[in-house]
Amino acid sequence: MIQRLSAEKFAAELYEAYQLDPQQNNWTYLPYGPISTQSEFLNWLRFVEDGTDTVFFAIINKTMRKTRRCR
């Protein structure tokens, strides 16, 4: 399931999911990141959630009911 990105709704689970990648390969080929701290990640999400140039969505694992990715 996908939903429009909301920093308030998804920040904690997204940060947790990105921490599962210690080599930070999720950030390869992206013009931003890696983001080191939860506070920095929350600030970045707040910045991009209202963007008009690029629209971000949260990808939610329906089985686990957890947010796993942001694209």
N, C-alpha and C. Protein backbone atom coordinates (compact mmCIF):
# COMPACT_ATOMS: atom_id res chain seq x y z
N MET A 1 0.84 -1.15 0.00
CA MET A 1 0.00 0.00 0.00
C MET A 1 0.91 1.24 0.00
N ILE A 2 0.50 2.29 -0.71
CA ILE A 2 1.26 3.53 -0.69
C ILE A 2 0.37 4.67 -0.19
N GLN A 3 1.00 5.60 0.49
CA GLN A 3 0.30 6.79 0.98
C GLN A 3 1.23 7.98 0.79
N ARG A 4 0.66 9.13 0.57
CA ARG A 4 1.45 10.36 0.45
C ARG A 4 2.25 10.53 1.74
N LEU A 5 3.49 10.94 1.61
CA LEU A 5 4.38 11.08 2.75
C LEU A 5 3.85 12.09 3.77
N SER A 6 3.88 11.71 5.02
CA SER A 6 3.56 12.59 6.14
C SER A 6 4.65 12.38 7.18
N ALA A 7 5.44 13.42 7.45
CA ALA A 7 6.52 13.31 8.43
C ALA A 7 5.96 12.90 9.79
N GLU A 8 4.86 13.51 10.17
CA GLU A 8 4.27 13.22 11.48
C GLU A 8 3.84 11.76 11.59
N LYS A 9 3.29 11.23 10.52
CA LYS A 9 2.74 9.88 10.55
C LYS A 9 3.81 8.79 10.37
N PHE A 10 4.82 9.04 9.53
CA PHE A 10 5.73 7.97 9.13
C PHE A 10 7.18 8.12 9.57
N ALA A 11 7.57 9.23 10.15
CA ALA A 11 8.99 9.49 10.43
C ALA A 11 9.65 8.40 11.27
N ALA A 12 9.04 8.01 12.36
CA ALA A 12 9.66 7.04 13.27
C ALA A 12 9.87 5.69 12.59
N GLU A 13 8.84 5.19 11.90
CA GLU A 13 8.98 3.88 11.25
C GLU A 13 9.94 3.93 10.07
N LEU A 14 9.93 5.02 9.33
CA LEU A 14 10.87 5.13 8.21
C LEU A 14 12.31 5.20 8.70
N TYR A 15 12.55 5.97 9.74
CA TYR A 15 13.90 6.06 10.28
C TYR A 15 14.36 4.68 10.75
N GLU A 16 13.49 3.97 11.44
CA GLU A 16 13.80 2.62 11.91
C GLU A 16 14.12 1.70 10.73
N ALA A 17 13.34 1.78 9.67
CA ALA A 17 13.56 0.94 8.49
C ALA A 17 14.90 1.25 7.82
N TYR A 18 15.26 2.53 7.72
CA TYR A 18 16.52 2.89 7.10
C TYR A 18 17.71 2.45 7.94
N GLN A 19 17.53 2.28 9.24
CA GLN A 19 18.61 1.82 10.11
C GLN A 19 18.92 0.34 9.89
N LEU A 20 18.05 -0.38 9.22
CA LEU A 20 18.29 -1.80 8.92
C LEU A 20 19.33 -1.98 7.82
N ASP A 21 19.77 -0.90 7.22
CA ASP A 21 20.76 -0.92 6.14
C ASP A 21 22.04 -0.23 6.63
N PRO A 22 22.90 -0.95 7.39
CA PRO A 22 24.08 -0.32 7.98
C PRO A 22 25.07 0.21 6.94
N GLN A 23 25.07 -0.34 5.74
CA GLN A 23 25.96 0.16 4.69
C GLN A 23 25.37 1.38 3.99
N GLN A 24 24.14 1.72 4.32
CA GLN A 24 23.43 2.87 3.78
C GLN A 24 23.30 2.83 2.26
N ASN A 25 23.10 1.64 1.73
CA ASN A 25 22.91 1.47 0.29
C ASN A 25 21.62 2.08 -0.21
N ASN A 26 20.64 2.28 0.68
CA ASN A 26 19.38 2.90 0.27
C ASN A 26 19.57 4.30 -0.28
N TRP A 27 20.68 4.94 0.08
CA TRP A 27 20.92 6.32 -0.33
C TRP A 27 21.74 6.41 -1.62
N THR A 28 22.24 5.27 -2.11
CA THR A 28 23.03 5.28 -3.34
C THR A 28 22.19 5.85 -4.48
N TYR A 29 22.79 6.69 -5.28
CA TYR A 29 22.18 7.31 -6.46
C TYR A 29 21.15 8.40 -6.13
N LEU A 30 20.99 8.74 -4.85
CA LEU A 30 20.07 9.81 -4.49
C LEU A 30 20.84 11.11 -4.29
N PRO A 31 20.24 12.24 -4.62
CA PRO A 31 20.94 13.51 -4.48
C PRO A 31 20.94 14.05 -3.04
N TYR A 32 20.48 13.26 -2.08
CA TYR A 32 20.43 13.63 -0.68
C TYR A 32 20.77 12.40 0.15
N GLY A 33 21.14 12.61 1.42
CA GLY A 33 21.46 11.52 2.31
C GLY A 33 22.88 11.02 2.11
N PRO A 34 23.34 10.09 2.89
CA PRO A 34 22.60 9.48 3.99
C PRO A 34 22.37 10.47 5.13
N ILE A 35 21.33 10.20 5.86
CA ILE A 35 20.94 11.06 6.98
C ILE A 35 21.24 10.29 8.27
N SER A 36 22.02 10.90 9.13
CA SER A 36 22.59 10.19 10.28
C SER A 36 21.70 10.11 11.51
N THR A 37 21.03 11.20 11.86
CA THR A 37 20.28 11.21 13.11
C THR A 37 18.78 11.24 12.86
N GLN A 38 18.03 10.81 13.85
CA GLN A 38 16.57 10.81 13.73
C GLN A 38 16.05 12.24 13.60
N SER A 39 16.65 13.16 14.31
CA SER A 39 16.24 14.56 14.23
C SER A 39 16.49 15.13 12.83
N GLU A 40 17.64 14.82 12.27
CA GLU A 40 17.97 15.27 10.91
C GLU A 40 17.00 14.65 9.89
N PHE A 41 16.67 13.38 10.09
CA PHE A 41 15.74 12.69 9.21
C PHE A 41 14.35 13.33 9.27
N LEU A 42 13.88 13.63 10.48
CA LEU A 42 12.58 14.27 10.65
C LEU A 42 12.56 15.63 9.96
N ASN A 43 13.60 16.40 10.12
CA ASN A 43 13.67 17.71 9.46
C ASN A 43 13.64 17.58 7.95
N TRP A 44 14.35 16.57 7.41
CA TRP A 44 14.36 16.35 5.97
C TRP A 44 12.96 15.95 5.48
N LEU A 45 12.30 15.05 6.22
CA LEU A 45 10.94 14.63 5.84
C LEU A 45 9.98 15.82 5.84
N ARG A 46 10.08 16.65 6.84
CA ARG A 46 9.21 17.84 6.90
C ARG A 46 9.45 18.76 5.71
N PHE A 47 10.71 18.86 5.30
CA PHE A 47 11.06 19.70 4.16
C PHE A 47 10.46 19.15 2.86
N VAL A 48 10.58 17.83 2.64
CA VAL A 48 10.15 17.26 1.36
C VAL A 48 8.66 16.92 1.30
N GLU A 49 8.00 16.79 2.44
CA GLU A 49 6.61 16.35 2.39
C GLU A 49 5.69 17.36 1.71
N ASP A 50 6.05 18.61 1.72
CA ASP A 50 5.22 19.64 1.09
C ASP A 50 5.75 20.09 -0.26
N GLY A 51 6.73 19.37 -0.77
CA GLY A 51 7.32 19.75 -2.04
C GLY A 51 6.34 19.63 -3.19
N THR A 52 6.57 20.43 -4.22
CA THR A 52 5.72 20.36 -5.41
C THR A 52 6.49 19.82 -6.60
N ASP A 53 7.81 19.86 -6.53
CA ASP A 53 8.63 19.37 -7.63
C ASP A 53 8.69 17.85 -7.63
N THR A 54 8.93 17.28 -6.47
CA THR A 54 8.97 15.83 -6.29
C THR A 54 7.97 15.47 -5.21
N VAL A 55 7.14 14.47 -5.49
CA VAL A 55 6.15 14.03 -4.53
C VAL A 55 6.62 12.70 -3.95
N PHE A 56 6.69 12.63 -2.63
CA PHE A 56 7.15 11.42 -1.95
C PHE A 56 5.97 10.64 -1.41
N PHE A 57 6.11 9.31 -1.45
CA PHE A 57 5.11 8.41 -0.92
C PHE A 57 5.77 7.44 0.05
N ALA A 58 5.02 7.02 1.05
CA ALA A 58 5.46 5.97 1.97
C ALA A 58 4.92 4.65 1.46
N ILE A 59 5.76 3.64 1.46
CA ILE A 59 5.34 2.29 1.07
C ILE A 59 5.16 1.48 2.34
N ILE A 60 3.96 0.96 2.51
CA ILE A 60 3.60 0.29 3.76
C ILE A 60 3.43 -1.20 3.51
N ASN A 61 4.12 -1.99 4.30
CA ASN A 61 4.00 -3.44 4.24
C ASN A 61 2.67 -3.81 4.89
N LYS A 62 1.72 -4.30 4.12
CA LYS A 62 0.38 -4.59 4.63
C LYS A 62 0.40 -5.72 5.66
N THR A 63 1.29 -6.69 5.50
CA THR A 63 1.35 -7.80 6.44
C THR A 63 1.85 -7.34 7.80
N MET A 64 2.94 -6.56 7.79
CA MET A 64 3.54 -6.10 9.04
C MET A 64 2.88 -4.82 9.55
N ARG A 65 2.13 -4.14 8.67
CA ARG A 65 1.54 -2.84 8.98
C ARG A 65 2.61 -1.84 9.42
N LYS A 66 3.75 -1.91 8.74
CA LYS A 66 4.84 -0.99 9.02
C LYS A 66 5.28 -0.32 7.74
N THR A 67 5.72 0.92 7.88
CA THR A 67 6.24 1.66 6.75
C THR A 67 7.67 1.20 6.51
N ARG A 68 7.98 0.81 5.28
CA ARG A 68 9.30 0.26 5.00
C ARG A 68 10.13 1.14 4.09
N ARG A 69 9.53 1.95 3.27
CA ARG A 69 10.30 2.75 2.32
C ARG A 69 9.62 4.10 2.08
N CYS A 70 10.43 5.00 1.55
CA CYS A 70 9.94 6.30 1.15
C CYS A 70 10.52 6.58 -0.21
N ARG A 71 9.70 6.83 -1.19
CA ARG A 71 10.19 7.09 -2.57
C ARG A 71 9.42 8.23 -3.16
